[in-house]
Amino acid sequence: MNATTRSSEFRRAVERLDEALSLAAGNPLGVDASIQRFEFCVELAWKSLGDVLLATHGIVVASPKPALQEAFRVGLIDDEARWLSMLRDRNLSSHTYRQTLALEIFARLPDYLHVLKGLAQTLAA
């Protein structure tokens, strides 16, 4: 996938997460769908950041944490701790399923959505 396509897919994934969150209140399937869409967003976010890092800074990253750290270092993202928290939640939600954990992560999704929308705007500029 080329960088432009991945960036477009990321923006669409963020829109779909926003859509899922607006429908999820009190709906267990909506909660699960929101978490799945969040996982897609985080995956596409770090890969999109990797594309930008390579294209504009010559920095090669092969995994999420270094991508986020380098993106913070060069100013592509401004809250490294929040991004690392999102990555941790993505890892927890994609490798295990516990209802209590799912609900805890779901409660953080509106804040994460705000951060993801910010990156989508940055990548579109």
C-alpha atoms as a PDB file:
ATOM      1  CA  MET A   1       0.000   0.000   0.000  1.00  0.00           C
ATOM      2  CA  ASN A   2       1.429   3.397  -0.888  1.00  0.00           C
ATOM      3  CA  ALA A   3       1.607   6.280   1.573  1.00  0.00           C
ATOM      4  CA  THR A   4      -1.277   8.247   0.045  1.00  0.00           C
ATOM      5  CA  THR A   5      -3.585   5.237   0.061  1.00  0.00           C
ATOM      6  CA  ARG A   6      -2.661   4.349   3.645  1.00  0.00           C
ATOM      7  CA  SER A   7      -3.258   7.927   4.798  1.00  0.00           C
ATOM      8  CA  SER A   8      -6.675   7.913   3.106  1.00  0.00           C
ATOM      9  CA  GLU A   9      -7.504   4.573   4.713  1.00  0.00           C
ATOM     10  CA  PHE A  10      -6.489   5.998   8.080  1.00  0.00           C
ATOM     11  CA  ARG A  11      -8.789   9.004   7.659  1.00  0.00           C
ATOM     12  CA  ARG A  12     -11.670   6.703   6.672  1.00  0.00           C
ATOM     13  CA  ALA A  13     -10.973   4.462   9.671  1.00  0.00           C
ATOM     14  CA  VAL A  14     -11.153   7.489  11.989  1.00  0.00           C
ATOM     15  CA  GLU A  15     -14.496   8.470  10.449  1.00  0.00           C
ATOM     16  CA  ARG A  16     -15.775   4.931  10.974  1.00  0.00           C
ATOM     17  CA  LEU A  17     -14.625   4.948  14.607  1.00  0.00           C
ATOM     18  CA  ASP A  18     -16.497   8.206  15.115  1.00  0.00           C
ATOM     19  CA  GLU A  19     -19.572   6.593  13.548  1.00  0.00           C
ATOM     20  CA  ALA A  20     -19.298   3.497  15.753  1.00  0.00           C
ATOM     21  CA  LEU A  21     -18.937   5.547  18.923  1.00  0.00           C
ATOM     22  CA  SER A  22     -22.048   7.530  18.105  1.00  0.00           C
ATOM     23  CA  LEU A  23     -24.038   4.287  17.840  1.00  0.00           C
ATOM     24  CA  ALA A  24     -22.437   2.319  20.673  1.00  0.00           C
ATOM     25  CA  ALA A  25     -24.033   3.704  23.829  1.00  0.00           C
ATOM     26  CA  GLY A  26     -25.524   0.799  25.777  1.00  0.00           C
ATOM     27  CA  ASN A  27     -25.037  -1.610  22.887  1.00  0.00           C
ATOM     28  CA  PRO A  28     -22.534  -4.451  23.532  1.00  0.00           C
ATOM     29  CA  LEU A  29     -22.006  -5.027  19.809  1.00  0.00           C
ATOM     30  CA  GLY A  30     -21.449  -1.312  19.348  1.00  0.00           C
ATOM     31  CA  VAL A  31     -18.828  -1.359  22.077  1.00  0.00           C
ATOM     32  CA  ASP A  32     -17.060  -4.286  20.421  1.00  0.00           C
ATOM     33  CA  ALA A  33     -17.269  -2.634  16.987  1.00  0.00           C
ATOM     34  CA  SER A  34     -15.857   0.602  18.388  1.00  0.00           C
ATOM     35  CA  ILE A  35     -12.919  -1.225  19.942  1.00  0.00           C
ATOM     36  CA  GLN A  36     -12.229  -3.089  16.691  1.00  0.00           C
ATOM     37  CA  ARG A  37     -12.327   0.147  14.721  1.00  0.00           C
ATOM     38  CA  PHE A  38     -10.013   1.727  17.283  1.00  0.00           C
ATOM     39  CA  GLU A  39      -7.555  -1.118  16.696  1.00  0.00           C
ATOM     40  CA  PHE A  40      -7.668  -0.435  12.941  1.00  0.00           C
ATOM     41  CA  CYS A  41      -7.067   3.265  13.565  1.00  0.00           C
ATOM     42  CA  VAL A  42      -4.005   2.707  15.729  1.00  0.00           C
ATOM     43  CA  GLU A  43      -2.542   0.260  13.218  1.00  0.00           C
ATOM     44  CA  LEU A  44      -3.069   2.617  10.296  1.00  0.00           C
ATOM     45  CA  ALA A  45      -1.864   5.607  12.351  1.00  0.00           C
ATOM     46  CA  TRP A  46       1.563   4.213  13.160  1.00  0.00           C
ATOM     47  CA  LYS A  47       2.022   2.911   9.624  1.00  0.00           C
ATOM     48  CA  SER A  48       0.998   6.286   8.172  1.00  0.00           C
ATOM     49  CA  LEU A  49       3.427   7.998  10.523  1.00  0.00           C
ATOM     50  CA  GLY A  50       6.092   5.564   9.340  1.00  0.00           C
ATOM     51  CA  ASP A  51       5.373   6.548   5.739  1.00  0.00           C
ATOM     52  CA  VAL A  52       5.761  10.249   6.572  1.00  0.00           C
ATOM     53  CA  LEU A  53       8.885   9.652   8.622  1.00  0.00           C
ATOM     54  CA  LEU A  54      10.494   7.842   5.718  1.00  0.00           C
ATOM     55  CA  ALA A  55       9.377  10.308   3.054  1.00  0.00           C
ATOM     56  CA  THR A  56      10.209  13.526   4.896  1.00  0.00           C
ATOM     57  CA  HIS A  57      12.969  12.571   7.337  1.00  0.00           C
ATOM     58  CA  GLY A  58      14.540   9.416   5.905  1.00  0.00           C
ATOM     59  CA  ILE A  59      13.669   7.571   9.125  1.00  0.00           C
ATOM     60  CA  VAL A  60      12.783   3.894   8.816  1.00  0.00           C
ATOM     61  CA  VAL A  61      10.563   2.391  11.509  1.00  0.00           C
ATOM     62  CA  ALA A  62       9.407  -1.208  11.599  1.00  0.00           C
ATOM     63  CA  SER A  63       7.080  -1.302  14.574  1.00  0.00           C
ATOM     64  CA  PRO A  64       4.557   0.903  16.371  1.00  0.00           C
ATOM     65  CA  LYS A  65       6.450   2.127  19.424  1.00  0.00           C
ATOM     66  CA  PRO A  66       9.512   3.414  17.525  1.00  0.00           C
ATOM     67  CA  ALA A  67       7.172   5.002  14.957  1.00  0.00           C
ATOM     68  CA  LEU A  68       5.383   6.918  17.701  1.00  0.00           C
ATOM     69  CA  GLN A  69       8.605   7.888  19.453  1.00  0.00           C
ATOM     70  CA  GLU A  70      10.168   9.185  16.238  1.00  0.00           C
ATOM     71  CA  ALA A  71       6.953  10.963  15.226  1.00  0.00           C
ATOM     72  CA  PHE A  72       6.992  12.743  18.585  1.00  0.00           C
ATOM     73  CA  ARG A  73      10.686  13.566  18.241  1.00  0.00           C
ATOM     74  CA  VAL A  74      10.173  15.265  14.863  1.00  0.00           C
ATOM     75  CA  GLY A  75       6.920  16.981  15.880  1.00  0.00           C
ATOM     76  CA  LEU A  76       4.335  14.964  13.947  1.00  0.00           C
ATOM     77  CA  ILE A  77       2.491  14.176  17.179  1.00  0.00           C
ATOM     78  CA  ASP A  78       2.509  16.246  20.340  1.00  0.00           C
ATOM     79  CA  ASP A  79       1.518  13.922  23.172  1.00  0.00           C
ATOM     80  CA  GLU A  80       3.773  10.883  23.194  1.00  0.00           C
ATOM     81  CA  ALA A  81       2.346   9.549  26.468  1.00  0.00           C
ATOM     82  CA  ARG A  82      -1.223   9.553  25.139  1.00  0.00           C
ATOM     83  CA  TRP A  83      -0.139   7.809  21.919  1.00  0.00           C
ATOM     84  CA  LEU A  84       1.746   5.168  23.895  1.00  0.00           C
ATOM     85  CA  SER A  85      -1.355   4.703  26.050  1.00  0.00           C
ATOM     86  CA  MET A  86      -3.413   4.171  22.888  1.00  0.00           C
ATOM     87  CA  LEU A  87      -0.873   1.645  21.665  1.00  0.00           C
ATOM     88  CA  ARG A  88      -0.991  -0.188  24.999  1.00  0.00           C
ATOM     89  CA  ASP A  89      -4.795  -0.297  24.875  1.00  0.00           C
ATOM     90  CA  ARG A  90      -4.708  -1.503  21.271  1.00  0.00           C
ATOM     91  CA  ASN A  91      -2.333  -4.300  22.256  1.00  0.00           C
ATOM     92  CA  LEU A  92      -4.448  -5.282  25.253  1.00  0.00           C
ATOM     93  CA  SER A  93      -7.687  -5.288  23.300  1.00  0.00           C
ATOM     94  CA  SER A  94      -6.356  -7.195  20.312  1.00  0.00           C
ATOM     95  CA  HIS A  95      -4.624  -9.963  22.280  1.00  0.00           C
ATOM     96  CA  THR A  96      -7.072 -10.624  25.088  1.00  0.00           C
ATOM     97  CA  TYR A  97     -10.749 -10.163  25.677  1.00  0.00           C
ATOM     98  CA  ARG A  98     -12.102  -9.414  29.093  1.00  0.00           C
ATOM     99  CA  GLN A  99     -15.376  -7.552  29.418  1.00  0.00           C
ATOM    100  CA  THR A 100     -14.119  -5.241  32.152  1.00  0.00           C
ATOM    101  CA  LEU A 101     -11.013  -4.349  30.157  1.00  0.00           C
ATOM    102  CA  ALA A 102     -13.115  -3.789  27.031  1.00  0.00           C
ATOM    103  CA  LEU A 103     -15.352  -1.354  28.906  1.00  0.00           C
ATOM    104  CA  GLU A 104     -12.348   0.475  30.373  1.00  0.00           C
ATOM    105  CA  ILE A 105     -10.829   0.895  26.906  1.00  0.00           C
ATOM    106  CA  PHE A 106     -14.192   1.863  25.439  1.00  0.00           C
ATOM    107  CA  ALA A 107     -14.477   4.652  28.020  1.00  0.00           C
ATOM    108  CA  ARG A 108     -11.174   6.113  26.749  1.00  0.00           C
ATOM    109  CA  LEU A 109     -12.149   5.987  23.066  1.00  0.00           C
ATOM    110  CA  PRO A 110     -13.739   9.464  22.855  1.00  0.00           C
ATOM    111  CA  ASP A 111     -10.468  11.016  24.055  1.00  0.00           C
ATOM    112  CA  TYR A 112      -8.478   8.819  21.687  1.00  0.00           C
ATOM    113  CA  LEU A 113     -10.794   9.750  18.824  1.00  0.00           C
ATOM    114  CA  HIS A 114      -9.935  13.406  19.376  1.00  0.00           C
ATOM    115  CA  VAL A 115      -6.214  12.620  19.103  1.00  0.00           C
ATOM    116  CA  LEU A 116      -6.737  10.418  16.037  1.00  0.00           C
ATOM    117  CA  LYS A 117      -8.755  13.164  14.320  1.00  0.00           C
ATOM    118  CA  GLY A 118      -5.895  15.569  14.976  1.00  0.00           C
ATOM    119  CA  LEU A 119      -3.450  13.258  13.252  1.00  0.00           C
ATOM    120  CA  ALA A 120      -5.862  12.755  10.351  1.00  0.00           C
ATOM    121  CA  GLN A 121      -5.931  16.530   9.869  1.00  0.00           C
ATOM    122  CA  THR A 122      -2.150  16.746  10.088  1.00  0.00           C
ATOM    123  CA  LEU A 123      -1.701  14.006   7.488  1.00  0.00           C
ATOM    124  CA  ALA A 124      -4.254  15.615   5.162  1.00  0.00           C
ATOM    125  CA  ALA A 125      -2.384  18.951   5.242  1.00  0.00           C
END
